């Protein structure tokens, strides 16, 4: 190989290794995402089970305890049927066990206020804790308004020190006028990893073609 092609060849080889590795990683992520979606489908079709000691993400469970509707926090911002609002978060206390934060559902106008709740048992799915990213909106613990679903931070703002590292998202049927309005289905995270893999592999092919054309031109000159 001519000396003048040595540096471009090495640079191209390094970039090819990186691009192909990224493509393979996306294929692995796709396999993981397909397994997760299958897990969610299975959980949604089965009845809720009593809360285990170590629940799995997106597991459908039934939880009993004392819902502290007098302690409320809001999570996120949403608009439904033209109404701005938030998700209502309250703690469920259990004797001798960590408190579980419960997302009761959509509350219009972010109007946090105590309300009576007859049932002390709720059913829903487990959502893992989130961690704020660089572009996440800033939480306001003093006003108990949060944009990252971090149980430890939300629990601390409510005076709860022993909080489970997950949130229970309540599931319920569609009932007109119900406030708060619970989630009606479990979420399905997007699975675009195959497209991402093709993109990285496409970059690798394009880079290879560019180097071959450059090498041919360099040899002729």
Protein backbone atom coordinates (compact mmCIF):
# COMPACT_ATOMS: atom_id res chain seq x y z
CA UNK A 1 0.00 0.00 0.00
CA UNK A 2 1.39 3.45 -0.91
CA UNK A 3 2.50 5.45 2.09
CA UNK A 4 0.10 8.29 1.28
CA UNK A 5 -2.82 5.86 1.74
CA UNK A 6 -1.62 4.51 5.08
CA UNK A 7 -3.21 7.18 7.31
CA UNK A 8 -6.56 7.26 5.43
CA UNK A 9 -6.67 3.45 5.50
CA UNK A 10 -6.07 3.25 9.25
CA UNK A 11 -8.60 6.02 9.91
CA UNK A 12 -11.17 4.27 7.73
CA UNK A 13 -10.58 0.94 9.48
CA UNK A 14 -11.05 2.51 12.92
CA UNK A 15 -14.29 4.20 11.84
CA UNK A 16 -15.55 0.95 10.28
CA UNK A 17 -14.98 -0.90 13.54
CA UNK A 18 -16.91 1.80 15.44
CA UNK A 19 -19.81 1.93 12.97
CA UNK A 20 -20.20 -1.84 12.75
CA UNK A 21 -20.01 -2.12 16.55
CA UNK A 22 -22.80 0.44 16.87
CA UNK A 23 -24.91 -1.50 14.38
CA UNK A 24 -24.41 -4.76 16.28
CA UNK A 25 -25.25 -2.99 19.55
CA UNK A 26 -28.52 -1.77 18.07
CA UNK A 27 -29.39 -5.33 17.02
CA UNK A 28 -28.75 -6.47 20.59
CA UNK A 29 -30.94 -3.63 21.87
CA UNK A 30 -33.66 -4.73 19.45
CA UNK A 31 -33.61 -8.26 20.85
CA UNK A 32 -33.84 -6.86 24.39
CA UNK A 33 -36.73 -4.56 23.39
CA UNK A 34 -38.65 -7.41 21.75
CA UNK A 35 -38.33 -9.46 24.94
CA UNK A 36 -39.53 -6.48 26.99
CA UNK A 37 -42.55 -5.93 24.73
CA UNK A 38 -43.42 -9.63 24.99
CA UNK A 39 -43.19 -9.32 28.78
CA UNK A 40 -45.54 -6.33 28.76
CA UNK A 41 -48.03 -8.13 26.49
CA UNK A 42 -48.05 -11.15 28.81
CA UNK A 43 -48.48 -8.99 31.94
CA UNK A 44 -51.37 -7.05 30.42
CA UNK A 45 -53.34 -10.18 29.54
CA UNK A 46 -53.00 -11.72 33.01
CA UNK A 47 -54.66 -10.72 36.27
CA UNK A 48 -52.67 -8.65 38.74
CA UNK A 49 -50.71 -10.61 41.33
CA UNK A 50 -50.16 -9.61 44.99
CA UNK A 51 -47.20 -7.26 45.28
CA UNK A 52 -44.02 -9.40 45.53
CA UNK A 53 -41.06 -8.34 47.62
CA UNK A 54 -39.02 -7.64 44.48
CA UNK A 55 -41.41 -6.73 41.65
CA UNK A 56 -40.13 -6.68 38.10
CA UNK A 57 -40.47 -3.70 35.73
CA UNK A 58 -43.90 -3.58 34.06
CA UNK A 59 -45.19 -6.40 36.27
CA UNK A 60 -48.93 -6.15 36.92
CA UNK A 61 -49.57 -6.14 40.67
CA UNK A 62 -52.16 -5.50 43.36
CA UNK A 63 -51.07 -3.38 46.32
CA UNK A 64 -52.81 -2.84 49.65
CA UNK A 65 -52.01 -0.26 52.29
CA UNK A 66 -52.91 3.26 53.41
CA UNK A 67 -53.19 5.73 50.56
CA UNK A 68 -52.10 9.13 51.85
CA UNK A 69 -54.23 11.31 49.60
CA UNK A 70 -53.35 14.22 51.90
CA UNK A 71 -49.75 13.99 50.60
CA UNK A 72 -49.67 14.80 46.90
CA UNK A 73 -47.12 15.54 44.22
CA UNK A 74 -47.45 16.12 40.49
CA UNK A 75 -45.42 14.46 37.78
CA UNK A 76 -44.97 15.65 34.21
CA UNK A 77 -47.24 17.71 32.01
CA UNK A 78 -49.85 16.45 29.58
CA UNK A 79 -52.83 17.67 27.58
CA UNK A 80 -55.92 15.49 27.19
CA UNK A 81 -59.01 16.59 25.29
CA UNK A 82 -57.68 20.13 25.30
CA UNK A 83 -57.16 20.11 29.09
CA UNK A 84 -53.67 20.69 30.48
CA UNK A 85 -52.80 18.64 33.51
CA UNK A 86 -50.39 16.39 35.34
CA UNK A 87 -50.07 12.94 36.89
CA UNK A 88 -51.13 12.76 40.55
CA UNK A 89 -48.62 10.97 42.80
CA UNK A 90 -49.50 9.91 46.37
CA UNK A 91 -47.70 7.55 48.78
CA UNK A 92 -49.13 4.24 49.96
CA UNK A 93 -47.80 3.36 53.39
CA UNK A 94 -47.44 -0.26 54.54
CA UNK A 95 -46.61 -1.59 57.99
CA UNK A 96 -42.97 -2.62 58.21
CA UNK A 97 -42.37 -2.19 54.48
CA UNK A 98 -41.16 0.62 52.22
CA UNK A 99 -43.71 3.18 51.12
CA UNK A 100 -44.73 2.83 47.47
CA UNK A 101 -45.46 5.92 45.39
CA UNK A 102 -48.68 5.48 43.43
CA UNK A 103 -49.52 7.32 40.21
CA UNK A 104 -53.31 7.63 40.45
CA UNK A 105 -53.64 9.12 36.97
CA UNK A 106 -54.22 12.31 35.03
CA UNK A 107 -55.40 15.35 36.97
CA UNK A 108 -56.60 18.34 34.89
CA UNK A 109 -55.11 21.76 35.53
CA UNK A 110 -52.54 20.33 37.96
CA UNK A 111 -55.00 21.20 40.75
CA UNK A 112 -53.60 19.18 43.64
CA UNK A 113 -56.16 18.87 46.44
CA UNK A 114 -57.18 16.24 49.01
CA UNK A 115 -60.02 14.00 47.93
CA UNK A 116 -61.77 11.00 49.49
CA UNK A 117 -60.78 7.56 48.27
CA UNK A 118 -62.78 4.58 49.49
CA UNK A 119 -60.54 1.78 48.23
CA UNK A 120 -57.22 1.15 49.96
CA UNK A 121 -56.15 -1.39 47.35
CA UNK A 122 -54.92 -0.46 43.89
CA UNK A 123 -53.91 -2.40 40.78
CA UNK A 124 -51.41 -1.31 38.19
CA UNK A 125 -47.96 -1.94 36.79
CA UNK A 126 -44.47 -1.33 38.09
CA UNK A 127 -42.50 1.49 36.51
CA UNK A 128 -38.77 1.70 37.28
CA UNK A 129 -37.22 4.84 38.67
CA UNK A 130 -36.05 7.52 36.25
CA UNK A 131 -32.96 9.70 36.49
CA UNK A 132 -32.90 13.24 35.18
CA UNK A 133 -31.05 13.73 31.91
CA UNK A 134 -29.27 16.82 30.67
CA UNK A 135 -32.38 18.06 28.83
CA UNK A 136 -34.91 17.21 31.54
CA UNK A 137 -37.07 19.98 32.95
CA UNK A 138 -36.10 21.17 36.43
CA UNK A 139 -38.07 19.72 39.33
CA UNK A 140 -39.57 21.97 41.99
CA UNK A 141 -39.52 19.99 45.27
CA UNK A 142 -40.83 22.95 47.28
CA UNK A 143 -44.05 22.93 45.23
CA UNK A 144 -43.93 19.14 44.80
CA UNK A 145 -43.84 19.38 41.02
CA UNK A 146 -41.60 16.89 39.27
CA UNK A 147 -40.69 16.11 35.67
CA UNK A 148 -38.54 13.06 36.40
CA UNK A 149 -40.18 10.04 37.99
CA UNK A 150 -37.60 9.58 40.75
CA UNK A 151 -39.31 7.96 43.79
CA UNK A 152 -36.55 8.97 46.20
CA UNK A 153 -36.77 12.66 45.30
CA UNK A 154 -40.58 12.72 45.18
CA UNK A 155 -40.85 10.76 48.43
CA UNK A 156 -38.47 13.14 50.19
CA UNK A 157 -40.63 16.12 49.20
CA UNK A 158 -43.60 14.33 50.81
CA UNK A 159 -41.71 13.56 54.00
CA UNK A 160 -41.32 9.86 53.17
CA UNK A 161 -37.81 8.57 53.86
CA UNK A 162 -38.22 4.84 53.22
CA UNK A 163 -39.54 4.69 49.65
CA UNK A 164 -39.46 1.75 47.23
CA UNK A 165 -37.29 2.34 44.11
CA UNK A 166 -40.22 2.17 41.71
CA UNK A 167 -43.67 3.66 41.13
CA UNK A 168 -46.99 1.85 40.79
CA UNK A 169 -48.97 3.19 37.81
CA UNK A 170 -52.67 2.58 38.43
CA UNK A 171 -54.62 0.88 35.64
CA UNK A 172 -58.36 1.32 35.30
CA UNK A 173 -61.25 1.26 32.85
CA UNK A 174 -62.42 4.29 30.89
CA UNK A 175 -64.94 6.14 33.06
CA UNK A 176 -66.37 9.45 31.85
CA UNK A 177 -65.53 12.32 34.18
CA UNK A 178 -63.31 10.27 36.47
CA UNK A 179 -60.69 12.38 38.29
CA UNK A 180 -57.91 11.47 38.49
CA UNK A 181 -58.11 9.44 35.28
CA UNK A 182 -55.97 6.28 35.56
CA UNK A 183 -53.96 4.80 32.73
CA UNK A 184 -56.06 2.51 30.54
CA UNK A 185 -53.24 0.39 29.09
CA UNK A 186 -49.63 -0.44 29.72
CA UNK A 187 -47.06 1.54 27.72
CA UNK A 188 -45.30 0.16 24.68
CA UNK A 189 -41.82 1.65 24.31
CA UNK A 190 -40.85 2.27 20.66
CA UNK A 191 -38.66 -0.30 18.95
CA UNK A 192 -36.72 1.50 16.21
CA UNK A 193 -33.43 -0.30 16.80
CA UNK A 194 -33.51 -2.14 13.47
CA UNK A 195 -33.67 1.17 11.60
CA UNK A 196 -30.80 2.49 13.71
CA UNK A 197 -28.77 -0.65 12.95
CA UNK A 198 -29.34 -0.24 9.21
CA UNK A 199 -28.28 3.39 9.53
CA UNK A 200 -24.94 2.52 11.17
CA UNK A 201 -24.29 -0.32 8.72
CA UNK A 202 -25.19 2.04 5.87
CA UNK A 203 -22.64 4.55 7.11
CA UNK A 204 -20.06 1.75 7.17
CA UNK A 205 -20.80 0.79 3.56
CA UNK A 206 -20.74 4.43 2.45
CA UNK A 207 -17.40 5.00 4.17
CA UNK A 208 -15.95 1.90 2.51
CA UNK A 209 -17.06 3.08 -0.94
CA UNK A 210 -15.61 6.54 -0.36
CA UNK A 211 -12.26 5.08 0.66
CA UNK A 212 -12.14 2.75 -2.36
CA UNK A 213 -12.88 5.65 -4.73
CA UNK A 214 -10.29 7.80 -3.00
CA UNK A 215 -7.67 5.02 -3.19
CA UNK A 216 -8.31 4.48 -6.93
CA UNK A 217 -8.02 8.19 -7.65
CA UNK A 218 -4.86 8.42 -5.57
CA UNK A 219 -3.25 5.50 -7.44
CA UNK A 220 -4.01 7.03 -10.85
CA UNK A 221 -2.57 10.39 -9.87
